[in-house]
N, C-alpha and C. Protein backbone atom coordinates (compact mmCIF):
# COMPACT_ATOMS: atom_id res chain seq x y z
N MET A 1 109.68 108.35 99.74
CA MET A 1 108.27 108.33 100.08
C MET A 1 107.47 107.83 98.88
N THR A 2 106.47 107.06 99.14
CA THR A 2 105.61 106.52 98.10
C THR A 2 104.77 107.64 97.50
N PRO A 3 104.60 107.68 96.18
CA PRO A 3 103.75 108.70 95.57
C PRO A 3 102.34 108.64 96.14
N MET A 4 101.67 109.79 96.23
CA MET A 4 100.35 109.87 96.85
C MET A 4 99.35 108.92 96.21
N PHE A 5 99.46 108.71 94.90
CA PHE A 5 98.48 107.83 94.25
C PHE A 5 98.72 106.36 94.61
N LEU A 6 99.81 106.05 95.28
CA LEU A 6 100.06 104.69 95.75
C LEU A 6 99.88 104.58 97.25
N CYS A 7 99.15 105.51 97.85
CA CYS A 7 98.91 105.49 99.29
C CYS A 7 97.42 105.55 99.56
N LEU A 8 96.96 104.66 100.41
CA LEU A 8 95.61 104.77 100.91
C LEU A 8 95.67 105.61 102.16
N LEU A 9 94.91 106.66 102.21
CA LEU A 9 94.83 107.49 103.39
C LEU A 9 93.54 107.16 104.12
N GLY A 10 93.46 107.61 105.36
CA GLY A 10 92.26 107.36 106.15
C GLY A 10 91.00 107.88 105.49
N THR A 11 91.10 109.02 104.80
CA THR A 11 89.91 109.58 104.15
C THR A 11 89.44 108.72 102.99
N ILE A 12 90.37 108.08 102.31
CA ILE A 12 89.99 107.19 101.21
C ILE A 12 89.31 105.95 101.77
N ILE A 13 89.87 105.39 102.83
CA ILE A 13 89.26 104.23 103.48
C ILE A 13 87.87 104.60 104.00
N THR A 14 87.73 105.80 104.54
CA THR A 14 86.43 106.27 105.03
C THR A 14 85.41 106.35 103.91
N TYR A 15 85.81 106.93 102.79
CA TYR A 15 84.92 107.05 101.64
C TYR A 15 84.45 105.67 101.18
N VAL A 16 85.37 104.74 101.09
CA VAL A 16 85.02 103.38 100.67
C VAL A 16 84.06 102.74 101.67
N ALA A 17 84.28 102.96 102.96
CA ALA A 17 83.40 102.39 103.98
C ALA A 17 81.98 102.93 103.84
N VAL A 18 81.85 104.23 103.57
CA VAL A 18 80.52 104.83 103.40
C VAL A 18 79.85 104.27 102.14
N GLN A 19 80.59 104.19 101.05
CA GLN A 19 80.02 103.65 99.81
C GLN A 19 79.63 102.19 99.96
N LEU A 20 80.44 101.43 100.67
CA LEU A 20 80.13 100.01 100.90
C LEU A 20 78.87 99.87 101.75
N ARG A 21 78.76 100.68 102.79
CA ARG A 21 77.56 100.63 103.64
C ARG A 21 76.32 100.94 102.82
N PHE A 22 76.41 101.95 101.95
CA PHE A 22 75.28 102.31 101.09
C PHE A 22 74.96 101.17 100.13
N ALA A 23 75.98 100.58 99.51
CA ALA A 23 75.77 99.50 98.54
C ALA A 23 75.13 98.28 99.18
N LEU A 24 75.44 98.02 100.43
CA LEU A 24 74.88 96.86 101.11
C LEU A 24 73.50 97.11 101.70
N SER A 25 73.07 98.36 101.70
CA SER A 25 71.74 98.68 102.23
C SER A 25 70.68 98.40 101.16
N ASN A 26 69.44 98.49 101.56
CA ASN A 26 68.34 98.28 100.61
C ASN A 26 67.80 99.59 100.05
N VAL A 27 68.51 100.69 100.27
CA VAL A 27 68.08 102.01 99.80
C VAL A 27 68.45 102.15 98.33
N ARG A 28 67.52 102.70 97.54
CA ARG A 28 67.75 102.84 96.10
C ARG A 28 68.37 104.18 95.71
N SER A 29 68.29 105.17 96.58
CA SER A 29 68.90 106.47 96.26
C SER A 29 69.61 107.00 97.51
N TRP A 30 70.61 107.81 97.26
CA TRP A 30 71.44 108.33 98.34
C TRP A 30 70.67 109.33 99.20
N ARG A 31 70.78 109.16 100.49
CA ARG A 31 70.24 110.10 101.47
C ARG A 31 71.25 110.21 102.61
N PRO A 32 71.45 111.38 103.17
CA PRO A 32 72.40 111.51 104.28
C PRO A 32 72.01 110.68 105.50
N ILE A 33 70.70 110.51 105.69
CA ILE A 33 70.22 109.68 106.79
C ILE A 33 69.31 108.62 106.20
N ASN A 34 69.61 107.37 106.52
CA ASN A 34 68.84 106.24 106.03
C ASN A 34 68.21 105.57 107.23
N GLY A 35 66.95 105.86 107.48
CA GLY A 35 66.30 105.32 108.66
C GLY A 35 66.98 105.84 109.91
N ASP A 36 67.58 104.93 110.68
CA ASP A 36 68.29 105.36 111.88
C ASP A 36 69.80 105.41 111.67
N PHE A 37 70.25 105.32 110.42
CA PHE A 37 71.68 105.36 110.12
C PHE A 37 72.05 106.70 109.49
N ASP A 38 72.97 107.41 110.14
CA ASP A 38 73.40 108.73 109.68
C ASP A 38 74.77 108.61 109.00
N TYR A 39 74.78 108.75 107.68
CA TYR A 39 76.03 108.61 106.92
C TYR A 39 77.05 109.69 107.26
N LYS A 40 76.58 110.91 107.50
CA LYS A 40 77.50 111.99 107.85
C LYS A 40 78.20 111.69 109.17
N GLU A 41 77.45 111.22 110.14
CA GLU A 41 78.02 110.87 111.44
C GLU A 41 79.01 109.71 111.30
N PHE A 42 78.65 108.72 110.51
CA PHE A 42 79.51 107.57 110.25
C PHE A 42 80.82 108.02 109.61
N TYR A 43 80.73 108.87 108.58
CA TYR A 43 81.90 109.39 107.89
C TYR A 43 82.79 110.17 108.86
N ARG A 44 82.18 111.08 109.60
CA ARG A 44 82.92 111.93 110.55
C ARG A 44 83.63 111.08 111.61
N PHE A 45 82.95 110.05 112.10
CA PHE A 45 83.52 109.17 113.13
C PHE A 45 84.79 108.49 112.62
N ILE A 46 84.73 107.97 111.39
CA ILE A 46 85.90 107.26 110.85
C ILE A 46 87.03 108.24 110.53
N VAL A 47 86.71 109.39 109.95
CA VAL A 47 87.74 110.40 109.68
C VAL A 47 88.41 110.82 110.99
N ASP A 48 87.62 111.07 112.02
CA ASP A 48 88.19 111.45 113.31
C ASP A 48 89.10 110.35 113.86
N PHE A 49 88.70 109.10 113.67
CA PHE A 49 89.54 107.98 114.12
C PHE A 49 90.93 108.07 113.51
N PHE A 50 90.99 108.32 112.20
CA PHE A 50 92.27 108.39 111.51
C PHE A 50 93.02 109.70 111.75
N GLU A 51 92.30 110.81 111.80
CA GLU A 51 92.94 112.12 111.81
C GLU A 51 93.23 112.68 113.19
N MET A 52 92.55 112.21 114.22
CA MET A 52 92.74 112.79 115.54
C MET A 52 92.96 111.74 116.62
N PRO A 53 94.06 110.99 116.52
CA PRO A 53 94.32 110.00 117.57
C PRO A 53 94.58 110.71 118.89
N PRO A 54 94.11 110.13 120.01
CA PRO A 54 94.25 110.81 121.29
C PRO A 54 95.68 110.83 121.84
N GLY A 55 96.55 110.00 121.31
CA GLY A 55 97.92 109.97 121.83
C GLY A 55 98.85 109.18 120.94
N PRO A 56 100.11 109.06 121.36
CA PRO A 56 101.12 108.38 120.53
C PRO A 56 100.81 106.90 120.28
N ALA A 57 100.25 106.21 121.26
CA ALA A 57 99.93 104.79 121.07
C ALA A 57 98.87 104.62 119.99
N SER A 58 97.85 105.47 120.02
CA SER A 58 96.80 105.41 119.00
C SER A 58 97.35 105.79 117.63
N LYS A 59 98.23 106.80 117.59
CA LYS A 59 98.83 107.21 116.32
C LYS A 59 99.65 106.07 115.73
N ASN A 60 100.41 105.37 116.57
CA ASN A 60 101.19 104.23 116.08
C ASN A 60 100.29 103.12 115.54
N CYS A 61 99.16 102.89 116.22
CA CYS A 61 98.20 101.88 115.76
C CYS A 61 97.62 102.27 114.40
N ILE A 62 97.27 103.53 114.24
CA ILE A 62 96.72 104.02 112.97
C ILE A 62 97.76 103.91 111.86
N ASN A 63 99.00 104.30 112.15
CA ASN A 63 100.06 104.19 111.15
C ASN A 63 100.27 102.75 110.72
N ALA A 64 100.24 101.83 111.68
CA ALA A 64 100.39 100.40 111.36
C ALA A 64 99.21 99.92 110.52
N LEU A 65 98.00 100.37 110.84
CA LEU A 65 96.82 99.99 110.08
C LEU A 65 96.90 100.50 108.64
N LEU A 66 97.30 101.77 108.46
CA LEU A 66 97.43 102.32 107.11
C LEU A 66 98.53 101.61 106.33
N LEU A 67 99.62 101.28 106.99
CA LEU A 67 100.69 100.54 106.32
C LEU A 67 100.19 99.17 105.89
N TRP A 68 99.44 98.49 106.77
CA TRP A 68 98.89 97.17 106.45
C TRP A 68 97.98 97.26 105.23
N TRP A 69 97.05 98.24 105.23
CA TRP A 69 96.14 98.40 104.10
C TRP A 69 96.89 98.70 102.81
N ASN A 70 97.88 99.56 102.88
CA ASN A 70 98.66 99.89 101.69
C ASN A 70 99.38 98.67 101.15
N ARG A 71 99.90 97.84 102.03
CA ARG A 71 100.57 96.61 101.58
C ARG A 71 99.57 95.64 100.96
N LYS A 72 98.38 95.56 101.52
CA LYS A 72 97.35 94.66 100.97
C LYS A 72 96.87 95.13 99.61
N VAL A 73 96.71 96.43 99.44
CA VAL A 73 96.19 96.98 98.19
C VAL A 73 97.27 97.07 97.12
N PHE A 74 98.44 97.57 97.47
CA PHE A 74 99.48 97.83 96.48
C PHE A 74 100.63 96.82 96.49
N GLY A 75 100.61 95.89 97.43
CA GLY A 75 101.68 94.91 97.53
C GLY A 75 102.82 95.43 98.40
N SER A 76 103.57 94.51 98.97
CA SER A 76 104.67 94.88 99.87
C SER A 76 105.73 95.73 99.19
N HIS A 77 106.01 95.43 97.93
CA HIS A 77 107.07 96.16 97.23
C HIS A 77 106.72 97.63 97.08
N ASN A 78 105.50 97.94 96.67
CA ASN A 78 105.09 99.33 96.44
C ASN A 78 104.84 100.09 97.73
N ALA A 79 104.45 99.39 98.78
CA ALA A 79 104.13 100.07 100.03
C ALA A 79 105.29 100.06 101.01
N SER A 80 106.40 99.45 100.64
CA SER A 80 107.50 99.31 101.59
C SER A 80 108.10 100.65 102.03
N ASN A 81 108.01 101.66 101.19
CA ASN A 81 108.55 102.97 101.54
C ASN A 81 107.50 103.90 102.12
N TYR A 82 106.30 103.40 102.31
CA TYR A 82 105.21 104.24 102.81
C TYR A 82 105.53 104.73 104.22
N SER A 83 105.44 106.01 104.41
CA SER A 83 105.54 106.57 105.76
C SER A 83 104.32 107.47 105.95
N PRO A 84 103.45 107.13 106.90
CA PRO A 84 102.22 107.89 107.08
C PRO A 84 102.49 109.35 107.37
N GLN A 85 101.59 110.19 106.87
CA GLN A 85 101.70 111.63 107.13
C GLN A 85 101.48 111.88 108.61
N ASP A 86 102.16 112.87 109.10
CA ASP A 86 101.88 113.32 110.45
C ASP A 86 100.49 113.94 110.43
N TYR A 87 99.57 113.41 111.24
CA TYR A 87 98.18 113.85 111.15
C TYR A 87 98.03 115.33 111.45
N ALA A 88 98.97 115.94 112.16
CA ALA A 88 98.86 117.37 112.46
C ALA A 88 99.02 118.22 111.22
N ARG A 89 99.61 117.68 110.16
CA ARG A 89 99.82 118.45 108.93
C ARG A 89 98.73 118.23 107.90
N THR A 90 97.79 117.38 108.16
CA THR A 90 96.78 117.09 107.16
C THR A 90 95.75 118.22 107.07
N LEU A 91 95.11 118.29 105.95
CA LEU A 91 94.10 119.32 105.71
C LEU A 91 92.97 119.22 106.72
N VAL A 92 92.54 118.01 107.03
CA VAL A 92 91.43 117.85 107.96
C VAL A 92 91.80 118.41 109.33
N SER A 93 93.02 118.15 109.77
CA SER A 93 93.45 118.67 111.07
C SER A 93 93.53 120.19 111.06
N LYS A 94 93.97 120.76 109.94
CA LYS A 94 94.01 122.22 109.83
C LYS A 94 92.60 122.80 109.89
N LEU A 95 91.68 122.15 109.20
CA LEU A 95 90.29 122.62 109.24
C LEU A 95 89.71 122.48 110.64
N GLU A 96 90.04 121.40 111.31
CA GLU A 96 89.57 121.19 112.68
C GLU A 96 90.10 122.31 113.59
N ALA A 97 91.36 122.68 113.43
CA ALA A 97 91.94 123.76 114.24
C ALA A 97 91.23 125.08 113.96
N GLN A 98 90.90 125.33 112.69
CA GLN A 98 90.16 126.54 112.35
C GLN A 98 88.79 126.54 112.99
N ARG A 99 88.14 125.38 112.98
CA ARG A 99 86.82 125.26 113.59
C ARG A 99 86.88 125.56 115.09
N VAL A 100 87.88 125.01 115.76
CA VAL A 100 88.04 125.25 117.19
C VAL A 100 88.29 126.73 117.46
N THR A 101 89.13 127.35 116.66
CA THR A 101 89.41 128.78 116.80
C THR A 101 88.14 129.60 116.62
N GLN A 102 87.35 129.28 115.61
CA GLN A 102 86.10 130.00 115.37
C GLN A 102 85.14 129.85 116.55
N GLU A 103 85.09 128.66 117.13
CA GLU A 103 84.23 128.43 118.29
C GLU A 103 84.68 129.27 119.47
N ARG A 104 85.99 129.32 119.69
CA ARG A 104 86.53 130.11 120.80
C ARG A 104 86.23 131.59 120.61
N ILE A 105 86.39 132.07 119.38
CA ILE A 105 86.13 133.48 119.08
C ILE A 105 84.65 133.81 119.29
N SER A 106 83.78 132.89 118.90
CA SER A 106 82.34 133.15 119.03
C SER A 106 81.88 133.20 120.48
N LEU A 107 82.67 132.62 121.38
CA LEU A 107 82.31 132.63 122.80
C LEU A 107 82.72 133.93 123.49
N ILE A 108 83.53 134.73 122.82
CA ILE A 108 84.01 136.00 123.41
C ILE A 108 82.97 137.07 123.30
């Protein structure tokens, strides 16, 4: 398996997307909402895309996308052993499960 520092994960790609969107805007200081653009919603949407695929076909697409990005950033040699994490084991998925459990408990 490729060392973690040689892997781009969905959360890293998400962070870069948010920073790029901010850099390309005309805003001079960071705000969670810029006019009609909500950075938190944008971030959450992209993280959910990577961390919560609706099924195996989507998961395969995400794994292929992460492999492609890793090869582009680190080169084919360094990314050749990359195997994407099972999204069910990621911290974000664990937090999501806790959130769902808390919601269910609060409804009782």
